[in-house]
Amino acid sequence: MLAQHARTQPADDSDPLAPQREAAFFYGLFLRGHSLDALRQDIDVPRVVAEKWVRANDFRGSFRSDLDRVYQYRKRVLAIFEGLVSSEQAHLNVQ
Protein backbone atom coordinates (compact mmCIF):
# COMPACT_ATOMS: atom_id res chain seq x y z
CA MET A 1 0.00 0.00 0.00
CA LEU A 2 1.51 3.25 -1.14
CA ALA A 3 0.34 5.77 1.39
CA GLN A 4 -0.65 3.58 4.32
CA HIS A 5 1.80 5.37 6.60
CA ALA A 6 0.39 8.76 5.64
CA ARG A 7 -3.05 8.13 7.11
CA THR A 8 -4.19 10.42 9.83
CA GLN A 9 -7.11 10.35 12.16
CA PRO A 10 -7.85 13.43 14.21
CA ALA A 11 -7.40 12.95 17.95
CA ASP A 12 -10.81 14.54 18.32
CA ASP A 13 -13.45 16.01 16.09
CA SER A 14 -12.24 19.59 16.55
CA ASP A 15 -10.85 19.85 13.01
CA PRO A 16 -13.76 19.62 10.59
CA LEU A 17 -11.43 20.10 7.61
CA ALA A 18 -9.20 17.11 8.41
CA PRO A 19 -11.03 14.75 6.01
CA GLN A 20 -10.78 17.30 3.18
CA ARG A 21 -7.06 17.80 3.79
CA GLU A 22 -6.40 14.08 3.84
CA ALA A 23 -8.45 13.51 0.69
CA ALA A 24 -6.48 16.32 -0.96
CA PHE A 25 -3.23 14.60 0.04
CA PHE A 26 -4.34 11.37 -1.66
CA TYR A 27 -5.63 13.33 -4.65
CA GLY A 28 -2.17 14.86 -5.01
CA LEU A 29 -0.71 11.36 -5.10
CA PHE A 30 -3.25 10.44 -7.78
CA LEU A 31 -2.23 13.47 -9.86
CA ARG A 32 1.39 12.36 -9.54
CA GLY A 33 0.55 9.02 -11.13
CA HIS A 34 -0.17 6.71 -8.20
CA SER A 35 -2.66 3.95 -8.93
CA LEU A 36 -6.27 4.95 -8.31
CA ASP A 37 -7.13 1.48 -7.02
CA ALA A 38 -4.11 1.41 -4.68
CA LEU A 39 -5.05 4.82 -3.28
CA ARG A 40 -8.64 3.70 -2.72
CA GLN A 41 -7.33 0.68 -0.80
CA ASP A 42 -5.06 2.90 1.28
CA ILE A 43 -7.94 5.18 2.23
CA ASP A 44 -10.69 2.65 2.85
CA VAL A 45 -11.19 0.18 5.68
CA PRO A 46 -11.28 -3.25 3.99
CA ARG A 47 -14.52 -5.18 4.43
CA VAL A 48 -12.74 -8.08 6.18
CA VAL A 49 -11.28 -5.67 8.75
CA ALA A 50 -14.65 -4.00 9.37
CA GLU A 51 -16.30 -7.42 9.78
CA LYS A 52 -13.58 -8.44 12.24
CA TRP A 53 -14.26 -5.30 14.26
CA VAL A 54 -17.97 -6.13 14.40
CA ARG A 55 -17.40 -9.74 15.49
CA ALA A 56 -14.57 -9.22 17.99
CA ASN A 57 -15.69 -9.63 21.59
CA ASP A 58 -12.78 -7.61 22.93
CA PHE A 59 -13.73 -4.56 20.85
CA ARG A 60 -16.34 -3.18 23.24
CA GLY A 61 -17.16 0.04 25.01
CA SER A 62 -15.16 3.14 24.24
CA PHE A 63 -12.77 1.21 21.98
CA ARG A 64 -15.72 0.14 19.81
CA SER A 65 -16.80 3.76 19.67
CA ASP A 66 -13.30 4.76 18.54
CA LEU A 67 -13.35 2.08 15.83
CA ASP A 68 -16.72 3.36 14.63
CA ARG A 69 -15.29 6.90 14.43
CA VAL A 70 -12.25 5.67 12.47
CA TYR A 71 -14.52 3.75 10.08
CA GLN A 72 -16.77 6.77 9.46
CA TYR A 73 -13.75 9.05 9.05
CA ARG A 74 -12.14 6.74 6.46
CA LYS A 75 -15.42 6.53 4.51
CA ARG A 76 -15.73 10.34 4.58
CA VAL A 77 -12.16 10.74 3.25
CA LEU A 78 -12.86 8.16 0.54
CA ALA A 79 -16.05 9.93 -0.55
CA ILE A 80 -14.27 13.28 -0.79
CA PHE A 81 -11.39 11.67 -2.70
CA GLU A 82 -13.83 10.04 -5.13
CA GLY A 83 -15.47 13.41 -5.71
CA LEU A 84 -12.11 15.01 -6.51
CA VAL A 85 -11.22 12.20 -8.93
CA SER A 86 -14.63 12.41 -10.62
CA SER A 87 -14.24 16.17 -11.05
CA GLU A 88 -10.79 15.69 -12.60
CA GLN A 89 -12.04 13.01 -14.98
CA ALA A 90 -15.04 15.14 -16.00
CA HIS A 91 -12.71 18.10 -16.57
CA LEU A 92 -10.42 15.99 -18.79
CA ASN A 93 -13.38 14.70 -20.80
CA VAL A 94 -14.52 18.29 -21.55
CA GLN A 95 -11.13 19.35 -22.89
PDB file of N, CA and C in Angstrom:
ATOM      1  N   MET A   1       0.828  -1.170   0.000  1.00  0.00           N
ATOM      2  CA  MET A   1       0.000   0.000   0.000  1.00  0.00           C
ATOM      3  C   MET A   1       0.882   1.245   0.000  1.00  0.00           C
ATOM      4  N   LEU A   2       0.627   2.119  -0.902  1.00  0.00           N
ATOM      5  CA  LEU A   2       1.507   3.245  -1.136  1.00  0.00           C
ATOM      6  C   LEU A   2       1.527   4.264  -0.012  1.00  0.00           C
ATOM      7  N   ALA A   3       0.389   4.659   0.441  1.00  0.00           N
ATOM      8  CA  ALA A   3       0.343   5.773   1.385  1.00  0.00           C
ATOM      9  C   ALA A   3      -0.181   5.344   2.750  1.00  0.00           C
ATOM     10  N   GLN A   4      -0.116   4.087   3.061  1.00  0.00           N
ATOM     11  CA  GLN A   4      -0.646   3.582   4.319  1.00  0.00           C
ATOM     12  C   GLN A   4      -0.098   4.373   5.504  1.00  0.00           C
ATOM     13  N   HIS A   5       1.180   4.657   5.487  1.00  0.00           N
ATOM     14  CA  HIS A   5       1.797   5.367   6.598  1.00  0.00           C
ATOM     15  C   HIS A   5       1.364   6.818   6.688  1.00  0.00           C
ATOM     16  N   ALA A   6       0.759   7.353   5.654  1.00  0.00           N
ATOM     17  CA  ALA A   6       0.386   8.761   5.637  1.00  0.00           C
ATOM     18  C   ALA A   6      -0.999   9.004   6.219  1.00  0.00           C
ATOM     19  N   ARG A   7      -1.707   7.968   6.568  1.00  0.00           N
ATOM     20  CA  ARG A   7      -3.045   8.134   7.109  1.00  0.00           C
ATOM     21  C   ARG A   7      -3.011   8.915   8.401  1.00  0.00           C
ATOM     22  N   THR A   8      -4.047   9.705   8.571  1.00  0.00           N
ATOM     23  CA  THR A   8      -4.190  10.416   9.828  1.00  0.00           C
ATOM     24  C   THR A   8      -5.627  10.309  10.286  1.00  0.00           C
ATOM     25  N   GLN A   9      -5.793  10.250  11.566  1.00  0.00           N
ATOM     26  CA  GLN A   9      -7.106  10.349  12.161  1.00  0.00           C
ATOM     27  C   GLN A   9      -6.998  11.439  13.211  1.00  0.00           C
ATOM     28  N   PRO A  10      -7.926  12.367  13.216  1.00  0.00           N
ATOM     29  CA  PRO A  10      -7.850  13.426  14.211  1.00  0.00           C
ATOM     30  C   PRO A  10      -8.020  12.843  15.612  1.00  0.00           C
ATOM     31  N   ALA A  11      -7.290  13.407  16.576  1.00  0.00           N
ATOM     32  CA  ALA A  11      -7.397  12.954  17.954  1.00  0.00           C
ATOM     33  C   ALA A  11      -8.798  13.223  18.490  1.00  0.00           C
ATOM     34  N   ASP A  12      -9.426  14.247  17.967  1.00  0.00           N
ATOM     35  CA  ASP A  12     -10.808  14.540  18.323  1.00  0.00           C
ATOM     36  C   ASP A  12     -11.488  15.105  17.091  1.00  0.00           C
ATOM     37  N   ASP A  13     -12.700  15.514  17.237  1.00  0.00           N
ATOM     38  CA  ASP A  13     -13.450  16.015  16.086  1.00  0.00           C
ATOM     39  C   ASP A  13     -13.356  17.533  15.956  1.00  0.00           C
ATOM     40  N   SER A  14     -12.341  18.141  16.547  1.00  0.00           N
ATOM     41  CA  SER A  14     -12.245  19.593  16.554  1.00  0.00           C
ATOM     42  C   SER A  14     -11.801  20.178  15.215  1.00  0.00           C
ATOM     43  N   ASP A  15     -11.302  19.355  14.312  1.00  0.00           N
ATOM     44  CA  ASP A  15     -10.848  19.854  13.013  1.00  0.00           C
ATOM     45  C   ASP A  15     -11.770  19.336  11.914  1.00  0.00           C
ATOM     46  N   PRO A  16     -12.799  20.100  11.600  1.00  0.00           N
ATOM     47  CA  PRO A  16     -13.760  19.620  10.592  1.00  0.00           C
ATOM     48  C   PRO A  16     -13.180  19.526   9.187  1.00  0.00           C
ATOM     49  N   LEU A  17     -12.033  20.151   8.939  1.00  0.00           N
ATOM     50  CA  LEU A  17     -11.427  20.103   7.609  1.00  0.00           C
ATOM     51  C   LEU A  17     -10.420  18.968   7.442  1.00  0.00           C
ATOM     52  N   ALA A  18     -10.180  18.201   8.482  1.00  0.00           N
ATOM     53  CA  ALA A  18      -9.203  17.108   8.410  1.00  0.00           C
ATOM     54  C   ALA A  18      -9.512  16.123   7.279  1.00  0.00           C
ATOM     55  N   PRO A  19     -10.764  15.689   7.113  1.00  0.00           N
ATOM     56  CA  PRO A  19     -11.031  14.746   6.005  1.00  0.00           C
ATOM     57  C   PRO A  19     -10.739  15.355   4.629  1.00  0.00           C
ATOM     58  N   GLN A  20     -11.048  16.645   4.462  1.00  0.00           N
ATOM     59  CA  GLN A  20     -10.785  17.297   3.180  1.00  0.00           C
ATOM     60  C   GLN A  20      -9.283  17.385   2.926  1.00  0.00           C
ATOM     61  N   ARG A  21      -8.517  17.700   3.958  1.00  0.00           N
ATOM     62  CA  ARG A  21      -7.063  17.796   3.790  1.00  0.00           C
ATOM     63  C   ARG A  21      -6.464  16.438   3.447  1.00  0.00           C
ATOM     64  N   GLU A  22      -6.939  15.406   4.124  1.00  0.00           N
ATOM     65  CA  GLU A  22      -6.397  14.080   3.841  1.00  0.00           C
ATOM     66  C   GLU A  22      -6.786  13.614   2.440  1.00  0.00           C
ATOM     67  N   ALA A  23      -8.026  13.869   2.046  1.00  0.00           N
ATOM     68  CA  ALA A  23      -8.450  13.509   0.687  1.00  0.00           C
ATOM     69  C   ALA A  23      -7.612  14.273  -0.337  1.00  0.00           C
ATOM     70  N   ALA A  24      -7.303  15.526  -0.058  1.00  0.00           N
ATOM     71  CA  ALA A  24      -6.478  16.322  -0.964  1.00  0.00           C
ATOM     72  C   ALA A  24      -5.069  15.741  -1.061  1.00  0.00           C
ATOM     73  N   PHE A  25      -4.543  15.242   0.053  1.00  0.00           N
ATOM     74  CA  PHE A  25      -3.230  14.601   0.041  1.00  0.00           C
ATOM     75  C   PHE A  25      -3.238  13.402  -0.915  1.00  0.00           C
ATOM     76  N   PHE A  26      -4.242  12.539  -0.784  1.00  0.00           N
ATOM     77  CA  PHE A  26      -4.337  11.371  -1.655  1.00  0.00           C
ATOM     78  C   PHE A  26      -4.593  11.780  -3.100  1.00  0.00           C
ATOM     79  N   TYR A  27      -5.374  12.830  -3.303  1.00  0.00           N
ATOM     80  CA  TYR A  27      -5.626  13.330  -4.646  1.00  0.00           C
ATOM     81  C   TYR A  27      -4.319  13.804  -5.294  1.00  0.00           C
ATOM     82  N   GLY A  28      -3.472  14.449  -4.509  1.00  0.00           N
ATOM     83  CA  GLY A  28      -2.167  14.865  -5.008  1.00  0.00           C
ATOM     84  C   GLY A  28      -1.337  13.666  -5.454  1.00  0.00           C
ATOM     85  N   LEU A  29      -1.405  12.575  -4.693  1.00  0.00           N
ATOM     86  CA  LEU A  29      -0.705  11.357  -5.102  1.00  0.00           C
ATOM     87  C   LEU A  29      -1.272  10.822  -6.414  1.00  0.00           C
ATOM     88  N   PHE A  30      -2.591  10.876  -6.548  1.00  0.00           N
ATOM     89  CA  PHE A  30      -3.248  10.443  -7.784  1.00  0.00           C
ATOM     90  C   PHE A  30      -2.753  11.278  -8.968  1.00  0.00           C
ATOM     91  N   LEU A  31      -2.684  12.593  -8.776  1.00  0.00           N
ATOM     92  CA  LEU A  31      -2.228  13.470  -9.860  1.00  0.00           C
ATOM     93  C   LEU A  31      -0.770  13.217 -10.219  1.00  0.00           C
ATOM     94  N   ARG A  32      -0.020  12.673  -9.285  1.00  0.00           N
ATOM     95  CA  ARG A  32       1.391  12.364  -9.541  1.00  0.00           C
ATOM     96  C   ARG A  32       1.575  10.971 -10.140  1.00  0.00           C
ATOM     97  N   GLY A  33       0.465  10.290 -10.421  1.00  0.00           N
ATOM     98  CA  GLY A  33       0.548   9.023 -11.130  1.00  0.00           C
ATOM     99  C   GLY A  33       0.379   7.767 -10.299  1.00  0.00           C
ATOM    100  N   HIS A  34       0.070   7.908  -9.020  1.00  0.00           N
ATOM    101  CA  HIS A  34      -0.166   6.712  -8.204  1.00  0.00           C
ATOM    102  C   HIS A  34      -1.468   6.043  -8.643  1.00  0.00           C
ATOM    103  N   SER A  35      -1.515   4.749  -8.507  1.00  0.00           N
ATOM    104  CA  SER A  35      -2.660   3.955  -8.934  1.00  0.00           C
ATOM    105  C   SER A  35      -3.925   4.347  -8.168  1.00  0.00           C
ATOM    106  N   LEU A  36      -4.987   4.592  -8.914  1.00  0.00           N
ATOM    107  CA  LEU A  36      -6.268   4.951  -8.314  1.00  0.00           C
ATOM    108  C   LEU A  36      -6.756   3.837  -7.392  1.00  0.00           C
ATOM    109  N   ASP A  37      -6.672   2.599  -7.843  1.00  0.00           N
ATOM    110  CA  ASP A  37      -7.127   1.478  -7.016  1.00  0.00           C
ATOM    111  C   ASP A  37      -6.292   1.328  -5.751  1.00  0.00           C
ATOM    112  N   ALA A  38      -4.980   1.511  -5.867  1.00  0.00           N
ATOM    113  CA  ALA A  38      -4.112   1.410  -4.684  1.00  0.00           C
ATOM    114  C   ALA A  38      -4.443   2.511  -3.686  1.00  0.00           C
ATOM    115  N   LEU A  39      -4.700   3.715  -4.167  1.00  0.00           N
ATOM    116  CA  LEU A  39      -5.050   4.820  -3.276  1.00  0.00           C
ATOM    117  C   LEU A  39      -6.388   4.557  -2.592  1.00  0.00           C
ATOM    118  N   ARG A  40      -7.347   4.048  -3.332  1.00  0.00           N
ATOM    119  CA  ARG A  40      -8.636   3.695  -2.718  1.00  0.00           C
ATOM    120  C   ARG A  40      -8.448   2.681  -1.597  1.00  0.00           C
ATOM    121  N   GLN A  41      -7.601   1.692  -1.835  1.00  0.00           N
ATOM    122  CA  GLN A  41      -7.332   0.684  -0.803  1.00  0.00           C
ATOM    123  C   GLN A  41      -6.646   1.297   0.404  1.00  0.00           C
ATOM    124  N   ASP A  42      -5.750   2.241   0.170  1.00  0.00           N
ATOM    125  CA  ASP A  42      -5.062   2.896   1.277  1.00  0.00           C
ATOM    126  C   ASP A  42      -6.018   3.727   2.131  1.00  0.00           C
ATOM    127  N   ILE A  43      -6.997   4.326   1.513  1.00  0.00           N
ATOM    128  CA  ILE A  43      -7.939   5.183   2.230  1.00  0.00           C
ATOM    129  C   ILE A  43      -8.980   4.360   2.974  1.00  0.00           C
ATOM    130  N   ASP A  44      -9.528   3.384   2.339  1.00  0.00           N
ATOM    131  CA  ASP A  44     -10.689   2.646   2.850  1.00  0.00           C
ATOM    132  C   ASP A  44     -10.306   1.669   3.959  1.00  0.00           C
ATOM    133  N   VAL A  45     -11.313   1.288   4.733  1.00  0.00           N
ATOM    134  CA  VAL A  45     -11.191   0.179   5.684  1.00  0.00           C
ATOM    135  C   VAL A  45     -11.699  -1.056   4.948  1.00  0.00           C
ATOM    136  N   PRO A  46     -10.836  -2.050   4.725  1.00  0.00           N
ATOM    137  CA  PRO A  46     -11.280  -3.246   3.994  1.00  0.00           C
ATOM    138  C   PRO A  46     -12.453  -3.940   4.695  1.00  0.00           C
ATOM    139  N   ARG A  47     -13.330  -4.509   3.898  1.00  0.00           N
ATOM    140  CA  ARG A  47     -14.519  -5.178   4.432  1.00  0.00           C
ATOM    141  C   ARG A  47     -14.151  -6.237   5.475  1.00  0.00           C
ATOM    142  N   VAL A  48     -13.115  -7.025   5.224  1.00  0.00           N
ATOM    143  CA  VAL A  48     -12.741  -8.079   6.176  1.00  0.00           C
ATOM    144  C   VAL A  48     -12.327  -7.479   7.516  1.00  0.00           C
ATOM    145  N   VAL A  49     -11.674  -6.331   7.500  1.00  0.00           N
ATOM    146  CA  VAL A  49     -11.282  -5.670   8.746  1.00  0.00           C
ATOM    147  C   VAL A  49     -12.520  -5.155   9.476  1.00  0.00           C
ATOM    148  N   ALA A  50     -13.420  -4.511   8.752  1.00  0.00           N
ATOM    149  CA  ALA A  50     -14.651  -4.002   9.371  1.00  0.00           C
ATOM    150  C   ALA A  50     -15.470  -5.144   9.964  1.00  0.00           C
ATOM    151  N   GLU A  51     -15.551  -6.264   9.263  1.00  0.00           N
ATOM    152  CA  GLU A  51     -16.296  -7.419   9.782  1.00  0.00           C
ATOM    153  C   GLU A  51     -15.624  -7.984  11.036  1.00  0.00           C
ATOM    154  N   LYS A  52     -14.303  -7.980  11.056  1.00  0.00           N
ATOM    155  CA  LYS A  52     -13.580  -8.443  12.244  1.00  0.00           C
ATOM    156  C   LYS A  52     -13.895  -7.543  13.432  1.00  0.00           C
ATOM    157  N   TRP A  53     -13.938  -6.229  13.190  1.00  0.00           N
ATOM    158  CA  TRP A  53     -14.261  -5.296  14.264  1.00  0.00           C
ATOM    159  C   TRP A  53     -15.646  -5.568  14.831  1.00  0.00           C
ATOM    160  N   VAL A  54     -16.597  -5.876  13.959  1.00  0.00           N
ATOM    161  CA  VAL A  54     -17.970  -6.127  14.402  1.00  0.00           C
ATOM    162  C   VAL A  54     -18.060  -7.409  15.222  1.00  0.00           C
ATOM    163  N   ARG A  55     -17.318  -8.438  14.821  1.00  0.00           N
ATOM    164  CA  ARG A  55     -17.396  -9.741  15.487  1.00  0.00           C
ATOM    165  C   ARG A  55     -16.558  -9.853  16.759  1.00  0.00           C
ATOM    166  N   ALA A  56     -15.522  -9.058  16.888  1.00  0.00           N
ATOM    167  CA  ALA A  56     -14.575  -9.219  17.992  1.00  0.00           C
ATOM    168  C   ALA A  56     -15.210  -8.890  19.337  1.00  0.00           C
ATOM    169  N   ASN A  57     -15.128  -9.831  20.263  1.00  0.00           N
ATOM    170  CA  ASN A  57     -15.693  -9.634  21.592  1.00  0.00           C
ATOM    171  C   ASN A  57     -14.893  -8.641  22.426  1.00  0.00           C
ATOM    172  N   ASP A  58     -13.609  -8.519  22.146  1.00  0.00           N
ATOM    173  CA  ASP A  58     -12.782  -7.614  22.932  1.00  0.00           C
ATOM    174  C   ASP A  58     -12.845  -6.164  22.442  1.00  0.00           C
ATOM    175  N   PHE A  59     -13.567  -5.913  21.355  1.00  0.00           N
ATOM    176  CA  PHE A  59     -13.731  -4.556  20.851  1.00  0.00           C
ATOM    177  C   PHE A  59     -15.057  -4.004  21.351  1.00  0.00           C
ATOM    178  N   ARG A  60     -15.116  -3.664  22.609  1.00  0.00           N
ATOM    179  CA  ARG A  60     -16.345  -3.183  23.240  1.00  0.00           C
ATOM    180  C   ARG A  60     -16.125  -1.814  23.873  1.00  0.00           C
ATOM    181  N   GLY A  61     -17.217  -1.210  24.274  1.00  0.00           N
ATOM    182  CA  GLY A  61     -17.163   0.042  25.012  1.00  0.00           C
ATOM    183  C   GLY A  61     -16.582   1.183  24.209  1.00  0.00           C
ATOM    184  N   SER A  62     -15.712   1.941  24.878  1.00  0.00           N
ATOM    185  CA  SER A  62     -15.165   3.139  24.238  1.00  0.00           C
ATOM    186  C   SER A  62     -14.263   2.781  23.052  1.00  0.00           C
ATOM    187  N   PHE A  63     -13.595   1.614  23.115  1.00  0.00           N
ATOM    188  CA  PHE A  63     -12.765   1.207  21.982  1.00  0.00           C
ATOM    189  C   PHE A  63     -13.633   0.965  20.755  1.00  0.00           C
ATOM    190  N   ARG A  64     -14.782   0.354  20.935  1.00  0.00           N
ATOM    191  CA  ARG A  64     -15.721   0.141  19.815  1.00  0.00           C
ATOM    192  C   ARG A  64     -16.155   1.483  19.238  1.00  0.00           C
ATOM    193  N   SER A  65     -16.411   2.422  20.114  1.00  0.00           N
ATOM    194  CA  SER A  65     -16.803   3.757  19.669  1.00  0.00           C
ATOM    195  C   SER A  65     -15.684   4.401  18.847  1.00  0.00           C
ATOM    196  N   ASP A  66     -14.439   4.237  19.291  1.00  0.00           N
ATOM    197  CA  ASP A  66     -13.299   4.763  18.539  1.00  0.00           C
ATOM    198  C   ASP A  66     -13.192   4.104  17.168  1.00  0.00           C
ATOM    199  N   LEU A  67     -13.398   2.786  17.112  1.00  0.00           N
ATOM    200  CA  LEU A  67     -13.355   2.083  15.827  1.00  0.00           C
ATOM    201  C   LEU A  67     -14.447   2.587  14.886  1.00  0.00           C
ATOM    202  N   ASP A  68     -15.622   2.828  15.437  1.00  0.00           N
ATOM    203  CA  ASP A  68     -16.719   3.364  14.631  1.00  0.00           C
ATOM    204  C   ASP A  68     -16.350   4.735  14.068  1.00  0.00           C
ATOM    205  N   ARG A  69     -15.724   5.576  14.892  1.00  0.00           N
ATOM    206  CA  ARG A  69     -15.286   6.896  14.430  1.00  0.00           C
ATOM    207  C   ARG A  69     -14.251   6.781  13.325  1.00  0.00           C
ATOM    208  N   VAL A  70     -13.280   5.874  13.494  1.00  0.00           N
ATOM    209  CA  VAL A  70     -12.252   5.675  12.472  1.00  0.00           C
ATOM    210  C   VAL A  70     -12.901   5.217  11.171  1.00  0.00           C
ATOM    211  N   TYR A  71     -13.830   4.272  11.262  1.00  0.00           N
ATOM    212  CA  TYR A  71     -14.516   3.751  10.076  1.00  0.00           C
ATOM    213  C   TYR A  71     -15.247   4.882   9.342  1.00  0.00           C
ATOM    214  N   GLN A  72     -16.007   5.673  10.078  1.00  0.00           N
ATOM    215  CA  GLN A  72     -16.768   6.769   9.461  1.00  0.00           C
ATOM    216  C   GLN A  72     -15.828   7.814   8.867  1.00  0.00           C
ATOM    217  N   TYR A  73     -14.729   8.092   9.544  1.00  0.00           N
ATOM    218  CA  TYR A  73     -13.752   9.050   9.049  1.00  0.00           C
ATOM    219  C   TYR A  73     -13.148   8.566   7.729  1.00  0.00           C
ATOM    220  N   ARG A  74     -12.732   7.291   7.683  1.00  0.00           N
ATOM    221  CA  ARG A  74     -12.137   6.735   6.464  1.00  0.00           C
ATOM    222  C   ARG A  74     -13.134   6.801   5.302  1.00  0.00           C
ATOM    223  N   LYS A  75     -14.395   6.482   5.564  1.00  0.00           N
ATOM    224  CA  LYS A  75     -15.418   6.530   4.514  1.00  0.00           C
ATOM    225  C   LYS A  75     -15.636   7.962   4.038  1.00  0.00           C
ATOM    226  N   ARG A  76     -15.570   8.931   4.954  1.00  0.00           N
ATOM    227  CA  ARG A  76     -15.728  10.336   4.579  1.00  0.00           C
ATOM    228  C   ARG A  76     -14.565  10.773   3.685  1.00  0.00           C
ATOM    229  N   VAL A  77     -13.340  10.409   4.062  1.00  0.00           N
ATOM    230  CA  VAL A  77     -12.164  10.745   3.245  1.00  0.00           C
ATOM    231  C   VAL A  77     -12.286  10.105   1.864  1.00  0.00           C
ATOM    232  N   LEU A  78     -12.706   8.848   1.825  1.00  0.00           N
ATOM    233  CA  LEU A  78     -12.856   8.160   0.537  1.00  0.00           C
ATOM    234  C   LEU A  78     -13.895   8.849  -0.338  1.00  0.00           C
ATOM    235  N   ALA A  79     -15.014   9.255   0.233  1.00  0.00           N
ATOM    236  CA  ALA A  79     -16.053   9.927  -0.548  1.00  0.00           C
ATOM    237  C   ALA A  79     -15.544  11.260  -1.117  1.00  0.00           C
ATOM    238  N   ILE A  80     -14.817  12.004  -0.313  1.00  0.00           N
ATOM    239  CA  ILE A  80     -14.267  13.278  -0.789  1.00  0.00           C
ATOM    240  C   ILE A  80     -13.249  13.025  -1.900  1.00  0.00           C
ATOM    241  N   PHE A  81     -12.377  12.038  -1.693  1.00  0.00           N
ATOM    242  CA  PHE A  81     -11.386  11.674  -2.704  1.00  0.00           C
ATOM    243  C   PHE A  81     -12.072  11.285  -4.010  1.00  0.00           C
ATOM    244  N   GLU A  82     -13.104  10.455  -3.922  1.00  0.00           N
ATOM    245  CA  GLU A  82     -13.831  10.036  -5.133  1.00  0.00           C
ATOM    246  C   GLU A  82     -14.435  11.234  -5.856  1.00  0.00           C
ATOM    247  N   GLY A  83     -14.926  12.201  -5.097  1.00  0.00           N
ATOM    248  CA  GLY A  83     -15.467  13.411  -5.712  1.00  0.00           C
ATOM    249  C   GLY A  83     -14.399  14.203  -6.453  1.00  0.00           C
ATOM    250  N   LEU A  84     -13.220  14.301  -5.858  1.00  0.00           N
ATOM    251  CA  LEU A  84     -12.110  15.006  -6.512  1.00  0.00           C
ATOM    252  C   LEU A  84     -11.694  14.302  -7.802  1.00  0.00           C
ATOM    253  N   VAL A  85     -11.605  12.982  -7.744  1.00  0.00           N
ATOM    254  CA  VAL A  85     -11.216  12.204  -8.927  1.00  0.00           C
ATOM    255  C   VAL A  85     -12.274  12.343 -10.017  1.00  0.00           C
ATOM    256  N   SER A  86     -13.539  12.267  -9.636  1.00  0.00           N
ATOM    257  CA  SER A  86     -14.629  12.406 -10.618  1.00  0.00           C
ATOM    258  C   SER A  86     -14.589  13.777 -11.285  1.00  0.00           C
ATOM    259  N   SER A  87     -14.333  14.810 -10.491  1.00  0.00           N
ATOM    260  CA  SER A  87     -14.244  16.166 -11.048  1.00  0.00           C
ATOM    261  C   SER A  87     -13.094  16.269 -12.046  1.00  0.00           C
ATOM    262  N   GLU A  88     -11.966  15.672 -11.704  1.00  0.00           N
ATOM    263  CA  GLU A  88     -10.793  15.692 -12.598  1.00  0.00           C
ATOM    264  C   GLU A  88     -11.097  14.951 -13.892  1.00  0.00           C
ATOM    265  N   GLN A  89     -11.727  13.793 -13.779  1.00  0.00           N
ATOM    266  CA  GLN A  89     -12.037  13.011 -14.980  1.00  0.00           C
ATOM    267  C   GLN A  89     -13.062  13.723 -15.842  1.00  0.00           C
ATOM    268  N   ALA A  90     -14.051  14.380 -15.237  1.00  0.00           N
ATOM    269  CA  ALA A  90     -15.039  15.136 -16.005  1.00  0.00           C
ATOM    270  C   ALA A  90     -14.361  16.325 -16.700  1.00  0.00           C
ATOM    271  N   HIS A  91     -13.441  16.962 -16.000  1.00  0.00           N
ATOM    272  CA  HIS A  91     -12.708  18.100 -16.571  1.00  0.00           C
ATOM    273  C   HIS A  91     -11.873  17.655 -17.777  1.00  0.00           C
ATOM    274  N   LEU A  92     -11.235  16.492 -17.673  1.00  0.00           N
ATOM    275  CA  LEU A  92     -10.422  15.987 -18.787  1.00  0.00           C
ATOM    276  C   LEU A  92     -11.292  15.602 -19.978  1.00  0.00           C
ATOM    277  N   ASN A  93     -12.485  15.108 -19.708  1.00  0.00           N
ATOM    278  CA  ASN A  93     -13.381  14.705 -20.803  1.00  0.00           C
ATOM    279  C   ASN A  93     -13.908  15.918 -21.576  1.00  0.00           C
ATOM    280  N   VAL A  94     -14.014  17.072 -20.906  1.00  0.00           N
ATOM    281  CA  VAL A  94     -14.520  18.286 -21.549  1.00  0.00           C
ATOM    282  C   VAL A  94     -13.461  18.866 -22.483  1.00  0.00           C
ATOM    283  N   GLN A  95     -12.201  18.745 -22.088  1.00  0.00           N
ATOM    284  CA  GLN A  95     -11.133  19.350 -22.885  1.00  0.00           C
ATOM    285  C   GLN A  95     -10.849  18.625 -24.138  1.00  0.00           C
TER     286      GLN A  95
END
